[in-house]
Amino acid sequence: MDLLVEEHQMPGVEAVLAGTLALMTGYSQYLQAASDPAHRAGMGEKIAHNLAMLAAHPQLSGDCRCVLWHLHERWAVMAGCTRDAGAACRAPQSSAGLAAEVFSLPGTRTLQ
């Protein structure tokens, strides 16, 4: 048995939910974002798609579907921002200032 392979048997809706949570975990990893922004953008789009699919699933309660739809809307926006930020990173040299602005970290602040 290969310890790196994790296999589970579950109903379709649970498999989509589990896969979506795994995608969210991968999306949130900083190193993956820095090394391959295009792949991260694709993951964000897949997360948004899966959440929309789950929001329409008849085996889930209306309240759960409502929460999933709102999450889908947020992830769709975030996926678009990630895609746009990745494009800024690949922009020609003349747009280097824009790319730096998109990915600049906020300065430190002293709270008083």
PDB file of N, CA and C in Angstrom:
ATOM      1  N   MET A   1       0.837  -1.189   0.000  1.00  0.00           N
ATOM      2  CA  MET A   1       0.000   0.000   0.000  1.00  0.00           C
ATOM      3  C   MET A   1       0.881   1.251   0.000  1.00  0.00           C
ATOM      4  N   ASP A   2       0.618   2.144  -0.906  1.00  0.00           N
ATOM      5  CA  ASP A   2       1.370   3.390  -1.025  1.00  0.00           C
ATOM      6  C   ASP A   2       0.787   4.410  -0.049  1.00  0.00           C
ATOM      7  N   LEU A   3       1.588   4.874   0.893  1.00  0.00           N
ATOM      8  CA  LEU A   3       1.108   5.809   1.900  1.00  0.00           C
ATOM      9  C   LEU A   3       0.818   7.195   1.338  1.00  0.00           C
ATOM     10  N   LEU A   4       1.331   7.511   0.151  1.00  0.00           N
ATOM     11  CA  LEU A   4       1.087   8.812  -0.461  1.00  0.00           C
ATOM     12  C   LEU A   4      -0.222   8.852  -1.234  1.00  0.00           C
ATOM     13  N   VAL A   5      -0.821   7.693  -1.470  1.00  0.00           N
ATOM     14  CA  VAL A   5      -2.090   7.626  -2.195  1.00  0.00           C
ATOM     15  C   VAL A   5      -3.205   7.467  -1.179  1.00  0.00           C
ATOM     16  N   GLU A   6      -4.151   8.370  -1.246  1.00  0.00           N
ATOM     17  CA  GLU A   6      -5.278   8.343  -0.325  1.00  0.00           C
ATOM     18  C   GLU A   6      -6.540   8.107  -1.144  1.00  0.00           C
ATOM     19  N   GLU A   7      -7.201   6.992  -0.915  1.00  0.00           N
ATOM     20  CA  GLU A   7      -8.410   6.653  -1.667  1.00  0.00           C
ATOM     21  C   GLU A   7      -9.572   6.484  -0.708  1.00  0.00           C
ATOM     22  N   HIS A   8     -10.727   6.974  -1.122  1.00  0.00           N
ATOM     23  CA  HIS A   8     -11.934   6.869  -0.310  1.00  0.00           C
ATOM     24  C   HIS A   8     -13.108   6.536  -1.220  1.00  0.00           C
ATOM     25  N   GLN A   9     -14.069   5.845  -0.689  1.00  0.00           N
ATOM     26  CA  GLN A   9     -15.316   5.573  -1.380  1.00  0.00           C
ATOM     27  C   GLN A   9     -16.398   6.406  -0.716  1.00  0.00           C
ATOM     28  N   MET A  10     -17.053   7.292  -1.479  1.00  0.00           N
ATOM     29  CA  MET A  10     -18.093   8.132  -0.910  1.00  0.00           C
ATOM     30  C   MET A  10     -19.087   8.511  -1.997  1.00  0.00           C
ATOM     31  N   PRO A  11     -20.305   8.894  -1.612  1.00  0.00           N
ATOM     32  CA  PRO A  11     -21.288   9.337  -2.599  1.00  0.00           C
ATOM     33  C   PRO A  11     -20.787  10.553  -3.382  1.00  0.00           C
ATOM     34  N   GLY A  12     -21.334  10.754  -4.564  1.00  0.00           N
ATOM     35  CA  GLY A  12     -20.881  11.814  -5.462  1.00  0.00           C
ATOM     36  C   GLY A  12     -20.824  13.199  -4.844  1.00  0.00           C
ATOM     37  N   VAL A  13     -21.881  13.604  -4.136  1.00  0.00           N
ATOM     38  CA  VAL A  13     -21.903  14.947  -3.565  1.00  0.00           C
ATOM     39  C   VAL A  13     -20.807  15.105  -2.510  1.00  0.00           C
ATOM     40  N   GLU A  14     -20.557  14.049  -1.743  1.00  0.00           N
ATOM     41  CA  GLU A  14     -19.485  14.113  -0.746  1.00  0.00           C
ATOM     42  C   GLU A  14     -18.119  14.145  -1.414  1.00  0.00           C
ATOM     43  N   ALA A  15     -17.969  13.446  -2.518  1.00  0.00           N
ATOM     44  CA  ALA A  15     -16.696  13.462  -3.240  1.00  0.00           C
ATOM     45  C   ALA A  15     -16.401  14.852  -3.789  1.00  0.00           C
ATOM     46  N   VAL A  16     -17.425  15.520  -4.320  1.00  0.00           N
ATOM     47  CA  VAL A  16     -17.226  16.886  -4.830  1.00  0.00           C
ATOM     48  C   VAL A  16     -16.888  17.826  -3.685  1.00  0.00           C
ATOM     49  N   LEU A  17     -17.577  17.687  -2.572  1.00  0.00           N
ATOM     50  CA  LEU A  17     -17.298  18.545  -1.418  1.00  0.00           C
ATOM     51  C   LEU A  17     -15.884  18.311  -0.898  1.00  0.00           C
ATOM     52  N   ALA A  18     -15.488  17.043  -0.743  1.00  0.00           N
ATOM     53  CA  ALA A  18     -14.143  16.736  -0.257  1.00  0.00           C
ATOM     54  C   ALA A  18     -13.080  17.235  -1.236  1.00  0.00           C
ATOM     55  N   GLY A  19     -13.316  17.042  -2.526  1.00  0.00           N
ATOM     56  CA  GLY A  19     -12.367  17.528  -3.533  1.00  0.00           C
ATOM     57  C   GLY A  19     -12.251  19.038  -3.532  1.00  0.00           C
ATOM     58  N   THR A  20     -13.369  19.721  -3.324  1.00  0.00           N
ATOM     59  CA  THR A  20     -13.367  21.187  -3.273  1.00  0.00           C
ATOM     60  C   THR A  20     -12.588  21.682  -2.057  1.00  0.00           C
ATOM     61  N   LEU A  21     -12.773  21.030  -0.925  1.00  0.00           N
ATOM     62  CA  LEU A  21     -12.009  21.414   0.268  1.00  0.00           C
ATOM     63  C   LEU A  21     -10.512  21.171   0.061  1.00  0.00           C
ATOM     64  N   ALA A  22     -10.166  20.081  -0.622  1.00  0.00           N
ATOM     65  CA  ALA A  22      -8.749  19.825  -0.917  1.00  0.00           C
ATOM     66  C   ALA A  22      -8.193  20.899  -1.851  1.00  0.00           C
ATOM     67  N   LEU A  23      -8.982  21.306  -2.848  1.00  0.00           N
ATOM     68  CA  LEU A  23      -8.549  22.385  -3.737  1.00  0.00           C
ATOM     69  C   LEU A  23      -8.340  23.683  -2.962  1.00  0.00           C
ATOM     70  N   MET A  24      -9.249  23.980  -2.040  1.00  0.00           N
ATOM     71  CA  MET A  24      -9.118  25.199  -1.235  1.00  0.00           C
ATOM     72  C   MET A  24      -7.835  25.174  -0.415  1.00  0.00           C
ATOM     73  N   THR A  25      -7.499  24.012   0.100  1.00  0.00           N
ATOM     74  CA  THR A  25      -6.264  23.871   0.865  1.00  0.00           C
ATOM     75  C   THR A  25      -5.062  24.147  -0.032  1.00  0.00           C
ATOM     76  N   GLY A  26      -5.052  23.561  -1.216  1.00  0.00           N
ATOM     77  CA  GLY A  26      -3.954  23.787  -2.157  1.00  0.00           C
ATOM     78  C   GLY A  26      -3.873  25.236  -2.601  1.00  0.00           C
ATOM     79  N   TYR A  27      -5.017  25.853  -2.834  1.00  0.00           N
ATOM     80  CA  TYR A  27      -5.066  27.252  -3.264  1.00  0.00           C
ATOM     81  C   TYR A  27      -4.454  28.167  -2.216  1.00  0.00           C
ATOM     82  N   SER A  28      -4.669  27.839  -0.960  1.00  0.00           N
ATOM     83  CA  SER A  28      -4.216  28.717   0.123  1.00  0.00           C
ATOM     84  C   SER A  28      -2.725  28.613   0.410  1.00  0.00           C
ATOM     85  N   GLN A  29      -2.047  27.654  -0.173  1.00  0.00           N
ATOM     86  CA  GLN A  29      -0.628  27.467   0.113  1.00  0.00           C
ATOM     87  C   GLN A  29       0.206  28.519  -0.617  1.00  0.00           C
ATOM     88  N   TYR A  30       0.947  29.291   0.140  1.00  0.00           N
ATOM     89  CA  TYR A  30       1.707  30.424  -0.391  1.00  0.00           C
ATOM     90  C   TYR A  30       2.737  30.010  -1.437  1.00  0.00           C
ATOM     91  N   LEU A  31       3.492  28.948  -1.187  1.00  0.00           N
ATOM     92  CA  LEU A  31       4.550  28.559  -2.119  1.00  0.00           C
ATOM     93  C   LEU A  31       3.994  28.182  -3.481  1.00  0.00           C
ATOM     94  N   GLN A  32       2.844  27.517  -3.496  1.00  0.00           N
ATOM     95  CA  GLN A  32       2.233  27.154  -4.770  1.00  0.00           C
ATOM     96  C   GLN A  32       1.818  28.409  -5.522  1.00  0.00           C
ATOM     97  N   ALA A  33       1.332  29.408  -4.809  1.00  0.00           N
ATOM     98  CA  ALA A  33       0.910  30.651  -5.439  1.00  0.00           C
ATOM     99  C   ALA A  33       2.092  31.367  -6.072  1.00  0.00           C
ATOM    100  N   ALA A  34       3.223  31.364  -5.394  1.00  0.00           N
ATOM    101  CA  ALA A  34       4.402  32.069  -5.900  1.00  0.00           C
ATOM    102  C   ALA A  34       5.039  31.340  -7.075  1.00  0.00           C
ATOM    103  N   SER A  35       5.006  30.017  -7.049  1.00  0.00           N
ATOM    104  CA  SER A  35       5.712  29.270  -8.085  1.00  0.00           C
ATOM    105  C   SER A  35       4.899  29.097  -9.355  1.00  0.00           C
ATOM    106  N   ASP A  36       3.565  29.084  -9.285  1.00  0.00           N
ATOM    107  CA  ASP A  36       2.751  28.831 -10.473  1.00  0.00           C
ATOM    108  C   ASP A  36       1.411  29.552 -10.367  1.00  0.00           C
ATOM    109  N   PRO A  37       1.396  30.876 -10.582  1.00  0.00           N
ATOM    110  CA  PRO A  37       0.144  31.621 -10.426  1.00  0.00           C
ATOM    111  C   PRO A  37      -0.949  31.180 -11.399  1.00  0.00           C
ATOM    112  N   ALA A  38      -0.581  30.713 -12.587  1.00  0.00           N
ATOM    113  CA  ALA A  38      -1.596  30.269 -13.544  1.00  0.00           C
ATOM    114  C   ALA A  38      -2.324  29.020 -13.031  1.00  0.00           C
ATOM    115  N   HIS A  39      -1.568  28.111 -12.431  1.00  0.00           N
ATOM    116  CA  HIS A  39      -2.187  26.912 -11.868  1.00  0.00           C
ATOM    117  C   HIS A  39      -3.108  27.289 -10.712  1.00  0.00           C
ATOM    118  N   ARG A  40      -2.680  28.236  -9.908  1.00  0.00           N
ATOM    119  CA  ARG A  40      -3.505  28.695  -8.785  1.00  0.00           C
ATOM    120  C   ARG A  40      -4.796  29.334  -9.294  1.00  0.00           C
ATOM    121  N   ALA A  41      -4.710  30.099 -10.365  1.00  0.00           N
ATOM    122  CA  ALA A  41      -5.907  30.715 -10.937  1.00  0.00           C
ATOM    123  C   ALA A  41      -6.878  29.627 -11.403  1.00  0.00           C
ATOM    124  N   GLY A  42      -6.347  28.590 -12.036  1.00  0.00           N
ATOM    125  CA  GLY A  42      -7.186  27.479 -12.478  1.00  0.00           C
ATOM    126  C   GLY A  42      -7.846  26.766 -11.304  1.00  0.00           C
ATOM    127  N   MET A  43      -7.108  26.631 -10.216  1.00  0.00           N
ATOM    128  CA  MET A  43      -7.677  26.016  -9.018  1.00  0.00           C
ATOM    129  C   MET A  43      -8.828  26.870  -8.475  1.00  0.00           C
ATOM    130  N   GLY A  44      -8.642  28.178  -8.463  1.00  0.00           N
ATOM    131  CA  GLY A  44      -9.698  29.076  -7.988  1.00  0.00           C
ATOM    132  C   GLY A  44     -10.952  28.978  -8.842  1.00  0.00           C
ATOM    133  N   GLU A  45     -10.766  28.883 -10.150  1.00  0.00           N
ATOM    134  CA  GLU A  45     -11.912  28.745 -11.051  1.00  0.00           C
ATOM    135  C   GLU A  45     -12.622  27.411 -10.821  1.00  0.00           C
ATOM    136  N   LYS A  46     -11.867  26.348 -10.595  1.00  0.00           N
ATOM    137  CA  LYS A  46     -12.453  25.037 -10.332  1.00  0.00           C
ATOM    138  C   LYS A  46     -13.214  25.047  -9.006  1.00  0.00           C
ATOM    139  N   ILE A  47     -12.664  25.716  -8.000  1.00  0.00           N
ATOM    140  CA  ILE A  47     -13.346  25.828  -6.709  1.00  0.00           C
ATOM    141  C   ILE A  47     -14.689  26.535  -6.895  1.00  0.00           C
ATOM    142  N   ALA A  48     -14.689  27.655  -7.619  1.00  0.00           N
ATOM    143  CA  ALA A  48     -15.932  28.396  -7.864  1.00  0.00           C
ATOM    144  C   ALA A  48     -16.943  27.514  -8.601  1.00  0.00           C
ATOM    145  N   HIS A  49     -16.479  26.781  -9.604  1.00  0.00           N
ATOM    146  CA  HIS A  49     -17.350  25.882 -10.370  1.00  0.00           C
ATOM    147  C   HIS A  49     -17.937  24.792  -9.464  1.00  0.00           C
ATOM    148  N   ASN A  50     -17.099  24.157  -8.653  1.00  0.00           N
ATOM    149  CA  ASN A  50     -17.568  23.090  -7.767  1.00  0.00           C
ATOM    150  C   ASN A  50     -18.585  23.621  -6.754  1.00  0.00           C
ATOM    151  N   LEU A  51     -18.340  24.813  -6.223  1.00  0.00           N
ATOM    152  CA  LEU A  51     -19.285  25.388  -5.263  1.00  0.00           C
ATOM    153  C   LEU A  51     -20.629  25.668  -5.919  1.00  0.00           C
ATOM    154  N   ALA A  52     -20.622  26.117  -7.167  1.00  0.00           N
ATOM    155  CA  ALA A  52     -21.877  26.338  -7.888  1.00  0.00           C
ATOM    156  C   ALA A  52     -22.602  25.016  -8.117  1.00  0.00           C
ATOM    157  N   MET A  53     -21.847  23.984  -8.459  1.00  0.00           N
ATOM    158  CA  MET A  53     -22.442  22.667  -8.672  1.00  0.00           C
ATOM    159  C   MET A  53     -23.053  22.144  -7.364  1.00  0.00           C
ATOM    160  N   LEU A  54     -22.322  22.302  -6.263  1.00  0.00           N
ATOM    161  CA  LEU A  54     -22.850  21.870  -4.965  1.00  0.00           C
ATOM    162  C   LEU A  54     -24.080  22.686  -4.572  1.00  0.00           C
ATOM    163  N   ALA A  55     -24.088  23.967  -4.882  1.00  0.00           N
ATOM    164  CA  ALA A  55     -25.218  24.832  -4.539  1.00  0.00           C
ATOM    165  C   ALA A  55     -26.497  24.411  -5.263  1.00  0.00           C
ATOM    166  N   ALA A  56     -26.357  23.723  -6.366  1.00  0.00           N
ATOM    167  CA  ALA A  56     -27.521  23.258  -7.126  1.00  0.00           C
ATOM    168  C   ALA A  56     -27.881  21.806  -6.822  1.00  0.00           C
ATOM    169  N   HIS A  57     -27.160  21.170  -5.923  1.00  0.00           N
ATOM    170  CA  HIS A  57     -27.360  19.738  -5.689  1.00  0.00           C
ATOM    171  C   HIS A  57     -28.626  19.492  -4.867  1.00  0.00           C
ATOM    172  N   PRO A  58     -29.525  18.636  -5.353  1.00  0.00           N
ATOM    173  CA  PRO A  58     -30.809  18.433  -4.674  1.00  0.00           C
ATOM    174  C   PRO A  58     -30.710  17.677  -3.342  1.00  0.00           C
ATOM    175  N   GLN A  59     -29.615  17.002  -3.056  1.00  0.00           N
ATOM    176  CA  GLN A  59     -29.500  16.265  -1.801  1.00  0.00           C
ATOM    177  C   GLN A  59     -29.077  17.148  -0.640  1.00  0.00           C
ATOM    178  N   LEU A  60     -28.740  18.389  -0.907  1.00  0.00           N
ATOM    179  CA  LEU A  60     -28.335  19.315   0.150  1.00  0.00           C
ATOM    180  C   LEU A  60     -29.524  20.191   0.535  1.00  0.00           C
ATOM    181  N   SER A  61     -29.555  20.610   1.779  1.00  0.00           N
ATOM    182  CA  SER A  61     -30.664  21.458   2.253  1.00  0.00           C
ATOM    183  C   SER A  61     -30.622  22.821   1.576  1.00  0.00           C
ATOM    184  N   GLY A  62     -31.748  23.492   1.598  1.00  0.00           N
ATOM    185  CA  GLY A  62     -31.825  24.830   1.017  1.00  0.00           C
ATOM    186  C   GLY A  62     -30.860  25.797   1.679  1.00  0.00           C
ATOM    187  N   ASP A  63     -30.740  25.727   2.997  1.00  0.00           N
ATOM    188  CA  ASP A  63     -29.820  26.612   3.714  1.00  0.00           C
ATOM    189  C   ASP A  63     -28.376  26.338   3.308  1.00  0.00           C
ATOM    190  N   CYS A  64     -28.030  25.062   3.202  1.00  0.00           N
ATOM    191  CA  CYS A  64     -26.668  24.707   2.790  1.00  0.00           C
ATOM    192  C   CYS A  64     -26.403  25.194   1.369  1.00  0.00           C
ATOM    193  N   ARG A  65     -27.371  25.015   0.483  1.00  0.00           N
ATOM    194  CA  ARG A  65     -27.192  25.461  -0.915  1.00  0.00           C
ATOM    195  C   ARG A  65     -27.039  26.974  -0.974  1.00  0.00           C
ATOM    196  N   CYS A  66     -27.754  27.689  -0.123  1.00  0.00           N
ATOM    197  CA  CYS A  66     -27.635  29.158  -0.083  1.00  0.00           C
ATOM    198  C   CYS A  66     -26.225  29.568   0.331  1.00  0.00           C
ATOM    199  N   VAL A  67     -25.701  28.940   1.380  1.00  0.00           N
ATOM    200  CA  VAL A  67     -24.335  29.239   1.833  1.00  0.00           C
ATOM    201  C   VAL A  67     -23.340  28.911   0.726  1.00  0.00           C
ATOM    202  N   LEU A  68     -23.514  27.759   0.089  1.00  0.00           N
ATOM    203  CA  LEU A  68     -22.597  27.358  -0.985  1.00  0.00           C
ATOM    204  C   LEU A  68     -22.658  28.330  -2.158  1.00  0.00           C
ATOM    205  N   TRP A  69     -23.843  28.847  -2.482  1.00  0.00           N
ATOM    206  CA  TRP A  69     -23.944  29.800  -3.590  1.00  0.00           C
ATOM    207  C   TRP A  69     -23.207  31.091  -3.251  1.00  0.00           C
ATOM    208  N   HIS A  70     -23.353  31.564  -2.020  1.00  0.00           N
ATOM    209  CA  HIS A  70     -22.622  32.777  -1.626  1.00  0.00           C
ATOM    210  C   HIS A  70     -21.107  32.536  -1.659  1.00  0.00           C
ATOM    211  N   LEU A  71     -20.681  31.364  -1.221  1.00  0.00           N
ATOM    212  CA  LEU A  71     -19.254  31.028  -1.320  1.00  0.00           C
ATOM    213  C   LEU A  71     -18.810  30.983  -2.776  1.00  0.00           C
ATOM    214  N   HIS A  72     -19.644  30.418  -3.629  1.00  0.00           N
ATOM    215  CA  HIS A  72     -19.333  30.386  -5.069  1.00  0.00           C
ATOM    216  C   HIS A  72     -19.111  31.798  -5.605  1.00  0.00           C
ATOM    217  N   GLU A  73     -19.995  32.723  -5.252  1.00  0.00           N
ATOM    218  CA  GLU A  73     -19.855  34.109  -5.731  1.00  0.00           C
ATOM    219  C   GLU A  73     -18.538  34.716  -5.267  1.00  0.00           C
ATOM    220  N   ARG A  74     -18.166  34.490  -4.016  1.00  0.00           N
ATOM    221  CA  ARG A  74     -16.905  35.034  -3.492  1.00  0.00           C
ATOM    222  C   ARG A  74     -15.700  34.408  -4.186  1.00  0.00           C
ATOM    223  N   TRP A  75     -15.742  33.088  -4.381  1.00  0.00           N
ATOM    224  CA  TRP A  75     -14.619  32.410  -5.036  1.00  0.00           C
ATOM    225  C   TRP A  75     -14.512  32.793  -6.500  1.00  0.00           C
ATOM    226  N   ALA A  76     -15.629  33.060  -7.155  1.00  0.00           N
ATOM    227  CA  ALA A  76     -15.581  33.499  -8.554  1.00  0.00           C
ATOM    228  C   ALA A  76     -14.856  34.841  -8.655  1.00  0.00           C
ATOM    229  N   VAL A  77     -15.150  35.748  -7.741  1.00  0.00           N
ATOM    230  CA  VAL A  77     -14.461  37.044  -7.718  1.00  0.00           C
ATOM    231  C   VAL A  77     -12.984  36.852  -7.404  1.00  0.00           C
ATOM    232  N   MET A  78     -12.687  36.016  -6.402  1.00  0.00           N
ATOM    233  CA  MET A  78     -11.292  35.791  -6.021  1.00  0.00           C
ATOM    234  C   MET A  78     -10.508  35.137  -7.157  1.00  0.00           C
ATOM    235  N   ALA A  79     -11.135  34.203  -7.865  1.00  0.00           N
ATOM    236  CA  ALA A  79     -10.457  33.557  -8.988  1.00  0.00           C
ATOM    237  C   ALA A  79     -10.137  34.573 -10.077  1.00  0.00           C
ATOM    238  N   GLY A  80     -11.064  35.484 -10.329  1.00  0.00           N
ATOM    239  CA  GLY A  80     -10.810  36.541 -11.321  1.00  0.00           C
ATOM    240  C   GLY A  80      -9.672  37.451 -10.890  1.00  0.00           C
ATOM    241  N   CYS A  81      -9.638  37.816  -9.613  1.00  0.00           N
ATOM    242  CA  CYS A  81      -8.542  38.650  -9.107  1.00  0.00           C
ATOM    243  C   CYS A  81      -7.203  37.924  -9.219  1.00  0.00           C
ATOM    244  N   THR A  82      -7.193  36.644  -8.914  1.00  0.00           N
ATOM    245  CA  THR A  82      -5.961  35.855  -9.016  1.00  0.00           C
ATOM    246  C   THR A  82      -5.492  35.785 -10.463  1.00  0.00           C
ATOM    247  N   ARG A  83      -6.434  35.557 -11.374  1.00  0.00           N
ATOM    248  CA  ARG A  83      -6.104  35.499 -12.801  1.00  0.00           C
ATOM    249  C   ARG A  83      -5.541  36.849 -13.270  1.00  0.00           C
ATOM    250  N   ASP A  84      -6.185  37.948 -12.868  1.00  0.00           N
ATOM    251  CA  ASP A  84      -5.718  39.278 -13.264  1.00  0.00           C
ATOM    252  C   ASP A  84      -4.348  39.591 -12.669  1.00  0.00           C
ATOM    253  N   ALA A  85      -4.131  39.194 -11.428  1.00  0.00           N
ATOM    254  CA  ALA A  85      -2.837  39.437 -10.782  1.00  0.00           C
ATOM    255  C   ALA A  85      -1.746  38.620 -11.469  1.00  0.00           C
ATOM    256  N   GLY A  86      -2.056  37.398 -11.864  1.00  0.00           N
ATOM    257  CA  GLY A  86      -1.092  36.569 -12.581  1.00  0.00           C
ATOM    258  C   GLY A  86      -0.738  37.181 -13.924  1.00  0.00           C
ATOM    259  N   ALA A  87      -1.723  37.777 -14.588  1.00  0.00           N
ATOM    260  CA  ALA A  87      -1.461  38.436 -15.863  1.00  0.00           C
ATOM    261  C   ALA A  87      -0.556  39.649 -15.658  1.00  0.00           C
ATOM    262  N   ALA A  88      -0.730  40.351 -14.545  1.00  0.00           N
ATOM    263  CA  ALA A  88       0.124  41.501 -14.245  1.00  0.00           C
ATOM    264  C   ALA A  88       1.564  41.049 -14.028  1.00  0.00           C
ATOM    265  N   CYS A  89       1.738  39.872 -13.459  1.00  0.00           N
ATOM    266  CA  CYS A  89       3.085  39.344 -13.229  1.00  0.00           C
ATOM    267  C   CYS A  89       3.778  39.015 -14.546  1.00  0.00           C
ATOM    268  N   ARG A  90       2.994  38.625 -15.542  1.00  0.00           N
ATOM    269  CA  ARG A  90       3.570  38.258 -16.835  1.00  0.00           C
ATOM    270  C   ARG A  90       3.567  39.435 -17.807  1.00  0.00           C
ATOM    271  N   ALA A  91       3.189  40.621 -17.319  1.00  0.00           N
ATOM    272  CA  ALA A  91       3.087  41.793 -18.181  1.00  0.00           C
ATOM    273  C   ALA A  91       4.454  42.189 -18.721  1.00  0.00           C
ATOM    274  N   PRO A  92       4.461  42.889 -19.868  1.00  0.00           N
ATOM    275  CA  PRO A  92       5.738  43.364 -20.412  1.00  0.00           C
ATOM    276  C   PRO A  92       6.462  44.280 -19.421  1.00  0.00           C
ATOM    277  N   GLN A  93       7.721  44.473 -19.652  1.00  0.00           N
ATOM    278  CA  GLN A  93       8.574  45.263 -18.761  1.00  0.00           C
ATOM    279  C   GLN A  93       7.995  46.644 -18.489  1.00  0.00           C
ATOM    280  N   SER A  94       7.302  47.249 -19.460  1.00  0.00           N
ATOM    281  CA  SER A  94       6.761  48.589 -19.268  1.00  0.00           C
ATOM    282  C   SER A  94       5.678  48.613 -18.193  1.00  0.00           C
ATOM    283  N   SER A  95       5.082  47.472 -17.910  1.00  0.00           N
ATOM    284  CA  SER A  95       4.043  47.402 -16.879  1.00  0.00           C
ATOM    285  C   SER A  95       4.574  46.852 -15.571  1.00  0.00           C
ATOM    286  N   ALA A  96       5.876  46.832 -15.409  1.00  0.00           N
ATOM    287  CA  ALA A  96       6.472  46.247 -14.202  1.00  0.00           C
ATOM    288  C   ALA A  96       5.988  46.955 -12.943  1.00  0.00           C
ATOM    289  N   GLY A  97       5.779  48.240 -13.024  1.00  0.00           N
ATOM    290  CA  GLY A  97       5.293  48.979 -11.869  1.00  0.00           C
ATOM    291  C   GLY A  97       3.922  48.508 -11.431  1.00  0.00           C
ATOM    292  N   LEU A  98       3.058  48.175 -12.407  1.00  0.00           N
ATOM    293  CA  LEU A  98       1.730  47.668 -12.089  1.00  0.00           C
ATOM    294  C   LEU A  98       1.832  46.327 -11.373  1.00  0.00           C
ATOM    295  N   ALA A  99       2.693  45.450 -11.871  1.00  0.00           N
ATOM    296  CA  ALA A  99       2.850  44.133 -11.244  1.00  0.00           C
ATOM    297  C   ALA A  99       3.357  44.291  -9.815  1.00  0.00           C
ATOM    298  N   ALA A 100       4.285  45.192  -9.609  1.00  0.00           N
ATOM    299  CA  ALA A 100       4.802  45.409  -8.259  1.00  0.00           C
ATOM    300  C   ALA A 100       3.707  45.941  -7.346  1.00  0.00           C
ATOM    301  N   GLU A 101       2.839  46.804  -7.904  1.00  0.00           N
ATOM    302  CA  GLU A 101       1.753  47.359  -7.118  1.00  0.00           C
ATOM    303  C   GLU A 101       0.739  46.280  -6.739  1.00  0.00           C
ATOM    304  N   VAL A 102       0.449  45.372  -7.657  1.00  0.00           N
ATOM    305  CA  VAL A 102      -0.525  44.319  -7.397  1.00  0.00           C
ATOM    306  C   VAL A 102      -0.053  43.411  -6.276  1.00  0.00           C
ATOM    307  N   PHE A 103       1.247  43.085  -6.250  1.00  0.00           N
ATOM    308  CA  PHE A 103       1.763  42.132  -5.291  1.00  0.00           C
ATOM    309  C   PHE A 103       2.520  42.758  -4.136  1.00  0.00           C
ATOM    310  N   SER A 104       2.467  44.056  -3.981  1.00  0.00           N
ATOM    311  CA  SER A 104       3.206  44.666  -2.880  1.00  0.00           C
ATOM    312  C   SER A 104       2.502  44.374  -1.563  1.00  0.00           C
ATOM    313  N   LEU A 105       3.275  44.141  -0.537  1.00  0.00           N
ATOM    314  CA  LEU A 105       2.737  43.900   0.783  1.00  0.00           C
ATOM    315  C   LEU A 105       2.532  45.230   1.486  1.00  0.00           C
ATOM    316  N   PRO A 106       1.526  45.320   2.332  1.00  0.00           N
ATOM    317  CA  PRO A 106       1.319  46.571   3.047  1.00  0.00           C
ATOM    318  C   PRO A 106       2.471  46.829   4.006  1.00  0.00           C
ATOM    319  N   GLY A 107       2.762  48.091   4.221  1.00  0.00           N
ATOM    320  CA  GLY A 107       3.822  48.471   5.143  1.00  0.00           C
ATOM    321  C   GLY A 107       3.428  48.164   6.585  1.00  0.00           C
ATOM    322  N   THR A 108       4.407  48.137   7.416  1.00  0.00           N
ATOM    323  CA  THR A 108       4.117  47.874   8.832  1.00  0.00           C
ATOM    324  C   THR A 108       3.474  49.099   9.446  1.00  0.00           C
ATOM    325  N   ARG A 109       2.615  48.854  10.407  1.00  0.00           N
ATOM    326  CA  ARG A 109       1.939  49.950  11.099  1.00  0.00           C
ATOM    327  C   ARG A 109       2.102  49.748  12.590  1.00  0.00           C
ATOM    328  N   THR A 110       2.183  50.841  13.302  1.00  0.00           N
ATOM    329  CA  THR A 110       2.240  50.782  14.755  1.00  0.00           C
ATOM    330  C   THR A 110       0.875  51.148  15.290  1.00  0.00           C
ATOM    331  N   LEU A 111       0.317  50.246  16.085  1.00  0.00           N
ATOM    332  CA  LEU A 111      -0.978  50.515  16.686  1.00  0.00           C
ATOM    333  C   LEU A 111      -0.784  51.258  17.990  1.00  0.00           C
ATOM    334  N   GLN A 112      -1.581  52.281  18.220  1.00  0.00           N
ATOM    335  CA  GLN A 112      -1.436  53.072  19.442  1.00  0.00           C
ATOM    336  C   GLN A 112      -2.691  53.040  20.251  1.00  0.00           C
TER     337      GLN A 112
END
